[in-house]
Amino acid sequence: MITTRFRFLSSAAFFLFLAWMQSPTLAADGPKKLLVVTTTVGFPHSSIPTAEKVLAQLGEKSGVFTVDIVGSGPRPRDKAQATAWMEKMTKDLAEKMNPDALTKYDGFIFANTTGVLPLPDKKAFLESIRGGKAFIGMHSASDSFHGEEGAVDPYKPGVIDPYTRMLGGEFRVHYAQVPIDCLVVDPKHPASAALGDVFKIAQEEVYLMKNYDASRVHELLVLDKHPNDKGFFGRFPVSWCSNYGEGRVFYTSLGHREDIWDPEWKDSKGVRLNSPEVARSYQAHILGGIKWALGLEPGDAKPQMK
């Protein structure tokens, strides 16, 4: 009798365990779901297909996240085709980024996006990040909105778009690609822990920022001299993170070139300027930033500057 009762309880416990394994609570502990946006209204980076491939691979290999991708491809030169392209891009963004669709994702990656993207509800998008979702931006994510909506002169200094306030900085200008030595400000942060004291890159397009306030972000990588004028010393931000309400924001201005993203990439002549080691370090940089932004790894977000 005791044996039969014990078997019954064991069976019941087993089925309860199976039910728990399949419950939404466990699903929340599985891979996070990220929406990767590579839509461009401005300059279309040739590295976007590489970025999409690498982000999907990082998610799969790490087991940390899965991706949905919404992009656009370069704007066609033909006027009629360009109109159809714009309509499709707007429709795709409306499908993936309307207020209801936003709830399906744990975070968002803007990889090399440019221009004023036709988001269906930008306010709802920003509020979803403020409410606890992750935002990760690469390279021209800082060149995606300029000036405050409705402003008479959106490019007037001091007029800042709400998206820029969330991100922490705005693209101002870049010059010719150059070798750079990125100084690691926080060697303990997941986004920079694998980079040593200096992240040396053989060739990259470097952004100079405006509407950047170091007292509002936690710096991860900086340059101590102007990338195109070695005699002009200062402090030039490259990567940072911050809290945005209950959400977390990670941004890196690196990622212009294909050989920054992919250790196996070569051009049509079989040449690459950055070594595979640089690309692997960059992947560790962005994967660490993604994990931190998703709240999966600890890291400081307090501004170092007062």
Protein backbone atom coordinates (compact mmCIF):
# COMPACT_ATOMS: atom_id res chain seq x y z
CA MET A 1 0.00 0.00 0.00
CA ILE A 2 2.80 2.36 0.93
CA THR A 3 4.71 1.39 -2.22
CA THR A 4 1.69 2.02 -4.46
CA ARG A 5 1.05 5.39 -2.83
CA PHE A 6 4.72 6.35 -3.22
CA ARG A 7 4.63 5.44 -6.92
CA PHE A 8 1.47 7.50 -7.35
CA LEU A 9 3.09 10.52 -5.71
CA SER A 10 6.23 10.06 -7.75
CA SER A 11 4.21 9.93 -10.96
CA ALA A 12 2.26 13.03 -9.96
CA ALA A 13 5.49 14.89 -9.13
CA PHE A 14 6.96 13.84 -12.47
CA PHE A 15 4.04 15.22 -14.45
CA LEU A 16 4.07 18.43 -12.40
CA PHE A 17 7.75 18.75 -13.25
CA LEU A 18 7.00 18.31 -16.95
CA ALA A 19 4.28 20.96 -16.75
CA TRP A 20 6.71 23.34 -15.06
CA MET A 21 9.33 22.66 -17.73
CA GLN A 22 6.85 23.71 -20.42
CA SER A 23 5.50 26.72 -18.56
CA PRO A 24 5.93 30.36 -19.72
CA THR A 25 8.18 30.96 -16.69
CA LEU A 26 10.77 28.53 -18.05
CA ALA A 27 10.38 29.97 -21.56
CA ALA A 28 11.33 33.36 -20.16
CA ASP A 29 14.61 31.80 -19.02
CA GLY A 30 15.38 30.54 -22.52
CA PRO A 31 16.92 32.51 -25.39
CA LYS A 32 15.85 36.14 -25.55
CA LYS A 33 14.14 37.42 -28.67
CA LEU A 34 15.73 40.41 -30.40
CA LEU A 35 14.54 42.45 -33.35
CA VAL A 36 17.47 43.42 -35.57
CA VAL A 37 16.75 46.56 -37.60
CA THR A 38 19.04 47.33 -40.55
CA THR A 39 16.67 49.68 -42.37
CA THR A 40 18.31 52.62 -44.13
CA VAL A 41 16.83 55.85 -45.42
CA GLY A 42 20.23 57.52 -45.74
CA PHE A 43 23.57 55.93 -46.63
CA PRO A 44 23.33 52.13 -47.10
CA HIS A 45 26.38 50.43 -45.61
CA SER A 46 27.71 47.53 -47.67
CA SER A 47 28.46 45.72 -44.39
CA ILE A 48 24.76 45.34 -43.49
CA PRO A 49 24.36 41.80 -44.92
CA THR A 50 27.50 40.78 -43.03
CA ALA A 51 26.16 42.34 -39.84
CA GLU A 52 22.85 40.48 -40.20
CA LYS A 53 24.67 37.17 -40.72
CA VAL A 54 27.06 37.69 -37.79
CA LEU A 55 24.32 38.72 -35.35
CA ALA A 56 22.27 35.64 -36.23
CA GLN A 57 25.37 33.43 -35.79
CA LEU A 58 26.25 35.01 -32.44
CA GLY A 59 22.74 34.37 -31.18
CA GLU A 60 22.77 30.76 -32.34
CA LYS A 61 26.28 29.89 -31.12
CA SER A 62 25.87 31.57 -27.74
CA GLY A 63 22.34 30.30 -27.19
CA VAL A 64 21.58 33.69 -25.63
CA PHE A 65 19.18 35.13 -28.20
CA THR A 66 17.31 34.57 -31.44
CA VAL A 67 16.75 37.26 -34.06
CA ASP A 68 14.07 38.60 -36.31
CA ILE A 69 15.43 40.95 -38.98
CA VAL A 70 13.74 43.88 -40.66
CA GLY A 71 15.82 45.66 -43.30
CA SER A 72 15.38 47.45 -46.59
CA GLY A 73 18.37 47.17 -48.90
CA PRO A 74 19.68 50.24 -50.77
CA ARG A 75 17.22 52.73 -52.23
CA PRO A 76 16.70 52.06 -55.98
CA ARG A 77 17.67 54.87 -58.33
CA ASP A 78 14.55 54.48 -60.44
CA LYS A 79 11.86 56.81 -59.06
CA ALA A 80 8.98 54.35 -59.39
CA GLN A 81 11.02 51.54 -57.83
CA ALA A 82 12.13 53.90 -55.04
CA THR A 83 8.50 54.69 -54.23
CA ALA A 84 7.62 50.99 -54.03
CA TRP A 85 10.75 50.39 -51.92
CA MET A 86 9.72 53.11 -49.46
CA GLU A 87 6.20 51.73 -49.19
CA LYS A 88 7.47 48.20 -48.51
CA MET A 89 10.00 49.43 -45.94
CA THR A 90 7.31 51.41 -44.12
CA LYS A 91 4.97 48.42 -44.18
CA ASP A 92 7.66 46.06 -42.84
CA LEU A 93 8.48 48.43 -39.97
CA ALA A 94 4.78 48.84 -39.19
CA GLU A 95 4.42 45.06 -38.98
CA LYS A 96 7.46 44.48 -36.77
CA MET A 97 7.44 47.64 -34.64
CA ASN A 98 3.85 48.60 -33.95
CA PRO A 99 3.01 48.84 -30.21
CA ASP A 100 1.61 45.30 -30.07
CA ALA A 101 4.56 43.79 -31.94
CA LEU A 102 7.06 45.52 -29.63
CA THR A 103 5.82 43.41 -26.72
CA LYS A 104 7.08 40.24 -28.44
CA TYR A 105 10.73 41.26 -28.12
CA ASP A 106 13.15 41.49 -25.21
CA GLY A 107 15.21 44.09 -27.00
CA PHE A 108 16.19 45.78 -30.23
CA ILE A 109 19.40 46.05 -32.24
CA PHE A 110 19.85 48.92 -34.69
CA ALA A 111 22.79 47.78 -36.84
CA ASN A 112 24.08 50.41 -39.28
CA THR A 113 20.68 52.06 -39.68
CA THR A 114 20.63 55.56 -41.22
CA GLY A 115 18.21 58.43 -41.69
CA VAL A 116 14.85 59.23 -40.15
CA LEU A 117 13.30 55.77 -40.06
CA PRO A 118 9.51 55.67 -40.61
CA LEU A 119 8.74 53.94 -37.31
CA PRO A 120 5.00 53.39 -36.82
CA ASP A 121 5.11 54.78 -33.25
CA LYS A 122 8.49 56.08 -32.13
CA LYS A 123 7.14 57.19 -28.76
CA ALA A 124 5.87 53.68 -28.01
CA PHE A 125 9.23 52.26 -29.13
CA LEU A 126 11.20 54.52 -26.77
CA GLU A 127 8.77 53.87 -23.93
CA SER A 128 9.21 50.12 -24.38
CA ILE A 129 12.96 50.57 -23.79
CA ARG A 130 12.32 52.84 -20.83
CA GLY A 131 10.02 50.15 -19.47
CA GLY A 132 12.76 47.54 -19.32
CA LYS A 133 13.74 46.34 -22.81
CA ALA A 134 17.27 46.34 -24.20
CA PHE A 135 18.60 48.61 -26.93
CA ILE A 136 21.85 47.88 -28.75
CA GLY A 137 23.19 50.22 -31.42
CA MET A 138 26.07 49.65 -33.83
CA HIS A 139 27.94 52.25 -35.88
CA SER A 140 25.41 54.45 -37.72
CA ALA A 141 22.64 53.77 -35.23
CA SER A 142 23.76 57.22 -34.05
CA ASP A 143 23.08 58.55 -37.59
CA SER A 144 19.47 57.43 -37.60
CA PHE A 145 17.57 60.47 -36.29
CA HIS A 146 18.67 64.10 -36.24
CA GLY A 147 17.11 67.03 -34.48
CA GLU A 148 13.86 67.18 -32.58
CA GLU A 149 10.71 66.27 -34.48
CA GLY A 150 8.72 69.38 -35.43
CA ALA A 151 11.65 71.74 -34.86
CA VAL A 152 11.93 74.64 -37.31
CA ASP A 153 15.64 73.92 -37.67
CA PRO A 154 16.29 70.32 -36.54
CA TYR A 155 20.05 70.72 -37.09
CA LYS A 156 20.35 73.70 -34.75
CA PRO A 157 22.83 73.00 -31.93
CA GLY A 158 21.09 71.98 -28.75
CA VAL A 159 18.01 70.59 -30.51
CA ILE A 160 18.08 66.91 -29.66
CA ASP A 161 15.79 64.15 -30.88
CA PRO A 162 14.28 61.91 -28.15
CA TYR A 163 15.97 58.93 -29.80
CA THR A 164 19.36 60.64 -29.40
CA ARG A 165 18.62 61.30 -25.74
CA MET A 166 17.96 57.59 -25.32
CA LEU A 167 21.10 56.58 -27.24
CA GLY A 168 23.42 59.09 -25.58
CA GLY A 169 25.07 60.70 -28.60
CA GLU A 170 24.59 61.73 -32.22
CA PHE A 171 26.81 61.36 -35.28
CA ARG A 172 28.36 64.65 -36.39
CA VAL A 173 30.99 63.81 -39.00
CA HIS A 174 33.63 61.30 -40.09
CA TYR A 175 36.75 61.57 -42.20
CA ALA A 176 38.93 59.04 -43.99
CA GLN A 177 39.28 55.57 -42.48
CA VAL A 178 42.34 55.26 -40.27
CA PRO A 179 44.14 52.92 -37.86
CA ILE A 180 42.96 53.53 -34.29
CA ASP A 181 43.85 52.48 -30.77
CA CYS A 182 40.70 52.35 -28.64
CA LEU A 183 41.47 52.79 -24.96
CA VAL A 184 39.46 50.49 -22.70
CA VAL A 185 37.93 52.60 -19.93
CA ASP A 186 36.15 49.77 -18.09
CA PRO A 187 38.05 46.47 -18.39
CA LYS A 188 35.48 44.65 -16.22
CA HIS A 189 32.39 45.37 -18.31
CA PRO A 190 31.16 42.42 -20.44
CA ALA A 191 31.44 44.57 -23.59
CA SER A 192 35.12 45.36 -23.05
CA ALA A 193 36.48 42.60 -20.80
CA ALA A 194 37.96 40.66 -23.76
CA LEU A 195 39.76 43.63 -25.31
CA GLY A 196 42.70 44.12 -22.95
CA ASP A 197 43.88 47.66 -22.24
CA VAL A 198 43.82 48.78 -25.88
CA PHE A 199 41.72 47.54 -28.80
CA LYS A 200 43.90 48.10 -31.86
CA ILE A 201 42.12 48.29 -35.22
CA ALA A 202 44.05 48.50 -38.49
CA GLN A 203 41.37 50.38 -40.42
CA GLU A 204 38.00 51.81 -39.43
CA GLU A 205 35.69 54.75 -40.05
CA VAL A 206 35.57 56.80 -36.86
CA TYR A 207 32.60 58.90 -35.84
CA LEU A 208 32.95 62.24 -34.14
CA MET A 209 29.90 62.95 -32.00
CA LYS A 210 27.69 65.84 -31.05
CA ASN A 211 25.01 66.05 -28.35
CA TYR A 212 27.16 63.74 -26.26
CA ASP A 213 27.37 64.21 -22.51
CA ALA A 214 29.90 61.99 -20.73
CA SER A 215 28.22 62.71 -17.41
CA ARG A 216 25.13 60.79 -18.57
CA VAL A 217 26.76 57.59 -19.83
CA HIS A 218 29.25 54.96 -18.72
CA GLU A 219 32.18 55.05 -21.14
CA LEU A 220 33.64 51.78 -22.38
CA LEU A 221 36.01 52.75 -25.22
CA VAL A 222 37.51 56.14 -26.06
CA LEU A 223 40.23 57.68 -28.20
CA ASP A 224 42.72 60.09 -26.64
CA LYS A 225 43.54 61.87 -29.89
CA HIS A 226 41.69 62.95 -33.02
CA PRO A 227 41.67 59.90 -35.33
CA ASN A 228 42.59 61.98 -38.40
CA ASP A 229 44.85 64.50 -36.68
CA LYS A 230 47.29 62.75 -34.38
CA GLY A 231 48.47 66.10 -32.99
CA PHE A 232 45.02 67.02 -31.68
CA PHE A 233 44.60 65.42 -28.29
CA GLY A 234 41.37 65.15 -26.35
CA ARG A 235 38.73 62.59 -25.45
CA PHE A 236 36.64 61.07 -28.20
CA PRO A 237 33.92 58.53 -27.28
CA VAL A 238 33.74 55.25 -29.18
CA SER A 239 31.48 53.02 -27.08
CA TRP A 240 29.34 53.50 -23.98
CA CYS A 241 26.36 52.17 -22.05
CA SER A 242 23.67 53.65 -19.84
CA ASN A 243 20.45 52.97 -18.02
CA TYR A 244 17.32 54.36 -19.65
CA GLY A 245 14.54 54.15 -17.12
CA GLU A 246 14.28 50.42 -16.42
CA GLY A 247 15.96 49.58 -19.73
CA ARG A 248 19.62 49.27 -20.70
CA VAL A 249 21.35 50.87 -23.67
CA PHE A 250 24.65 49.78 -25.24
CA TYR A 251 26.22 51.58 -28.20
CA THR A 252 29.42 51.14 -30.21
CA SER A 253 30.39 53.39 -33.10
CA LEU A 254 32.55 50.61 -34.52
CA GLY A 255 31.23 48.39 -37.29
CA HIS A 256 31.58 50.21 -40.61
CA ARG A 257 33.69 47.61 -42.37
CA GLU A 258 32.90 44.01 -43.21
CA ASP A 259 36.26 42.84 -41.87
CA ILE A 260 35.42 44.38 -38.49
CA TRP A 261 32.37 42.11 -38.28
CA ASP A 262 33.48 38.86 -39.87
CA PRO A 263 36.82 37.05 -39.35
CA GLU A 264 36.30 35.12 -42.59
CA TRP A 265 35.37 38.03 -44.87
CA LYS A 266 37.57 39.04 -47.82
CA ASP A 267 36.98 41.47 -50.67
CA SER A 268 36.73 40.48 -54.33
CA LYS A 269 40.53 40.34 -54.52
CA GLY A 270 40.80 38.14 -51.45
CA VAL A 271 42.11 40.99 -49.28
CA ARG A 272 41.18 42.20 -45.80
CA LEU A 273 42.77 45.06 -43.85
CA ASN A 274 41.69 44.00 -40.37
CA SER A 275 42.94 40.67 -39.07
CA PRO A 276 40.51 37.90 -38.11
CA GLU A 277 41.56 38.54 -34.49
CA VAL A 278 40.16 42.08 -34.72
CA ALA A 279 36.81 40.73 -35.95
CA ARG A 280 36.71 38.11 -33.21
CA SER A 281 37.40 40.83 -30.64
CA TYR A 282 34.64 42.97 -32.13
CA GLN A 283 32.23 40.06 -31.89
CA ALA A 284 33.18 39.61 -28.23
CA HIS A 285 32.62 43.36 -27.77
CA ILE A 286 29.09 43.37 -29.18
CA LEU A 287 28.09 40.02 -27.68
CA GLY A 288 29.15 41.27 -24.25
CA GLY A 289 27.17 44.44 -24.83
CA ILE A 290 24.10 42.45 -25.87
CA LYS A 291 24.30 40.21 -22.81
CA TRP A 292 24.65 43.22 -20.54
CA ALA A 293 21.78 45.09 -22.19
CA LEU A 294 19.55 42.03 -21.76
CA GLY A 295 20.43 41.90 -18.07
CA LEU A 296 22.17 38.53 -18.43
CA GLU A 297 25.58 39.72 -17.23
CA PRO A 298 26.44 42.34 -14.60
CA GLY A 299 28.28 45.51 -15.47
CA ASP A 300 28.54 49.08 -14.27
CA ALA A 301 26.42 51.76 -15.96
CA LYS A 302 27.26 54.67 -13.67
CA PRO A 303 28.85 57.65 -15.45
CA GLN A 304 32.54 58.06 -14.64
CA MET A 305 32.32 61.80 -15.30
CA LYS A 306 30.51 64.19 -12.97
